[in-house]
């Protein structure tokens, strides 16, 4: 299940749906609007293997890695979110739910910074092509 934080613009959600990417958004399809940051991670544990996309840079700590979800921090412009969500979901290292579980991924135009479960070092990946 792909879940967008409520801080993602409606236009970006509509683009993803137009590209036939199954997506749910906090406050619309999941839970309620105005959730505090500390409520997000417990919510993710109640969902079936979610990949959570947010622009909240404060959620991307190594301590947030958990085997039952993927946390994606989008360090991109608010009007670029849909493009980078689709790009991440097509990346060979993350193109299945199984490959994404147990990771915290910081998405940037220049590449990806990834924390994986049971690793002590952040990994840096490039965009393909």
Protein backbone atom coordinates (compact mmCIF):
# COMPACT_ATOMS: atom_id res chain seq x y z
CA UNK A 1 0.00 0.00 0.00
CA UNK A 2 1.37 3.40 -1.01
CA UNK A 3 0.40 6.16 1.43
CA UNK A 4 0.90 9.90 0.95
CA UNK A 5 1.30 12.26 3.87
CA UNK A 6 -1.30 15.01 4.07
CA UNK A 7 1.45 17.52 3.16
CA UNK A 8 1.39 16.26 -0.46
CA UNK A 9 -0.57 18.53 -2.81
CA UNK A 10 -3.86 17.37 -4.32
CA UNK A 11 -2.49 18.01 -7.83
CA UNK A 12 0.36 15.58 -7.17
CA UNK A 13 -2.04 12.93 -5.84
CA UNK A 14 -4.18 13.31 -8.96
CA UNK A 15 -1.13 12.93 -11.22
CA UNK A 16 -0.21 9.66 -9.48
CA UNK A 17 -3.75 8.36 -9.86
CA UNK A 18 -3.72 9.41 -13.52
CA UNK A 19 -0.60 7.28 -13.96
CA UNK A 20 -2.52 4.39 -12.36
CA UNK A 21 -0.35 4.29 -9.24
CA UNK A 22 -2.46 3.00 -6.37
CA UNK A 23 -2.21 5.60 -3.65
CA UNK A 24 -3.98 6.54 -0.43
CA UNK A 25 -3.59 9.77 1.50
CA UNK A 26 -3.69 10.52 5.19
CA UNK A 27 -6.76 12.56 6.02
CA UNK A 28 -8.66 11.40 2.93
CA UNK A 29 -8.38 7.62 2.68
CA UNK A 30 -6.40 6.71 5.81
CA UNK A 31 -6.79 8.02 9.38
CA UNK A 32 -7.49 11.71 9.95
CA UNK A 33 -6.14 15.13 9.00
CA UNK A 34 -3.82 16.89 11.41
CA UNK A 35 -2.01 13.82 12.73
CA UNK A 36 1.13 14.65 14.69
CA UNK A 37 4.44 13.28 13.42
CA UNK A 38 4.74 10.94 16.40
CA UNK A 39 1.40 9.32 15.43
CA UNK A 40 2.51 8.43 11.90
CA UNK A 41 4.89 5.54 12.63
CA UNK A 42 2.41 3.69 14.91
CA UNK A 43 -0.25 4.16 12.20
CA UNK A 44 2.05 2.57 9.60
CA UNK A 45 2.32 -0.54 11.77
CA UNK A 46 -1.45 -1.03 11.48
CA UNK A 47 -1.38 -1.00 7.65
CA UNK A 48 -0.40 -3.90 5.36
CA UNK A 49 3.27 -3.31 4.39
CA UNK A 50 2.94 0.41 3.58
CA UNK A 51 5.33 2.64 1.70
CA UNK A 52 4.82 6.09 3.22
CA UNK A 53 5.75 9.20 1.20
CA UNK A 54 6.28 12.53 2.97
CA UNK A 55 8.03 15.86 2.48
CA UNK A 56 8.61 16.11 6.24
CA UNK A 57 12.41 15.99 6.48
CA UNK A 58 12.25 15.36 10.24
CA UNK A 59 10.97 11.78 9.84
CA UNK A 60 14.04 10.40 8.07
CA UNK A 61 16.16 9.18 10.96
CA UNK A 62 17.95 5.85 11.01
CA UNK A 63 15.95 4.98 14.14
CA UNK A 64 12.76 5.05 12.00
CA UNK A 65 13.76 1.90 10.05
CA UNK A 66 11.29 -0.93 10.67
CA UNK A 67 10.81 -4.29 8.88
CA UNK A 68 7.05 -3.72 8.39
CA UNK A 69 7.13 -0.48 6.42
CA UNK A 70 9.13 1.77 4.09
CA UNK A 71 9.50 5.46 4.85
CA UNK A 72 10.26 7.75 1.89
CA UNK A 73 11.32 11.33 2.55
CA UNK A 74 10.92 13.44 -0.57
CA UNK A 75 13.54 16.21 -0.52
CA UNK A 76 12.15 17.67 -3.75
CA UNK A 77 9.91 20.58 -4.68
CA UNK A 78 6.21 20.33 -3.89
CA UNK A 79 5.34 20.23 -7.60
CA UNK A 80 7.88 17.45 -8.30
CA UNK A 81 6.54 14.93 -5.80
CA UNK A 82 4.53 12.77 -8.23
CA UNK A 83 7.44 12.54 -10.67
CA UNK A 84 9.85 11.35 -7.95
CA UNK A 85 7.32 8.94 -6.39
CA UNK A 86 6.91 7.27 -9.78
CA UNK A 87 10.65 7.33 -10.36
CA UNK A 88 11.33 5.63 -7.01
CA UNK A 89 8.67 2.98 -7.60
CA UNK A 90 10.37 2.15 -10.91
CA UNK A 91 13.93 2.10 -9.50
CA UNK A 92 15.36 -1.44 -9.82
CA UNK A 93 16.35 -1.48 -6.13
CA UNK A 94 12.81 -0.55 -4.97
CA UNK A 95 10.39 -1.67 -7.68
CA UNK A 96 8.60 -4.18 -5.43
CA UNK A 97 7.09 -3.86 -1.99
CA UNK A 98 9.41 -6.59 -0.70
CA UNK A 99 12.49 -4.64 -1.81
CA UNK A 100 11.24 -1.49 -0.06
CA UNK A 101 10.31 -2.96 3.34
CA UNK A 102 12.76 -2.20 6.16
CA UNK A 103 14.13 0.97 4.56
CA UNK A 104 14.13 4.71 5.07
CA UNK A 105 14.81 6.40 1.74
CA UNK A 106 15.63 10.06 1.20
CA UNK A 107 14.74 10.95 -2.40
CA UNK A 108 16.63 13.85 -3.97
CA UNK A 109 17.01 14.97 -7.58
CA UNK A 110 20.67 13.88 -7.38
CA UNK A 111 19.97 10.36 -6.07
CA UNK A 112 18.86 8.34 -3.07
CA UNK A 113 20.19 7.99 0.47
CA UNK A 114 19.04 4.72 2.02
CA UNK A 115 19.06 3.28 5.53
CA UNK A 116 18.35 -0.45 5.57
CA UNK A 117 17.41 -2.67 8.46
CA UNK A 118 20.45 -4.21 10.20
CA UNK A 119 23.00 -1.90 8.57
CA UNK A 120 25.20 0.65 10.27
CA UNK A 121 25.89 2.83 7.27
CA UNK A 122 23.73 4.91 4.98
CA UNK A 123 23.90 3.77 1.35
CA UNK A 124 23.96 6.18 -1.58
CA UNK A 125 22.27 5.13 -4.86
CA UNK A 126 22.08 6.88 -8.20
CA UNK A 127 19.09 7.17 -10.46
CA UNK A 128 19.27 4.66 -13.33
CA UNK A 129 20.08 5.91 -16.79
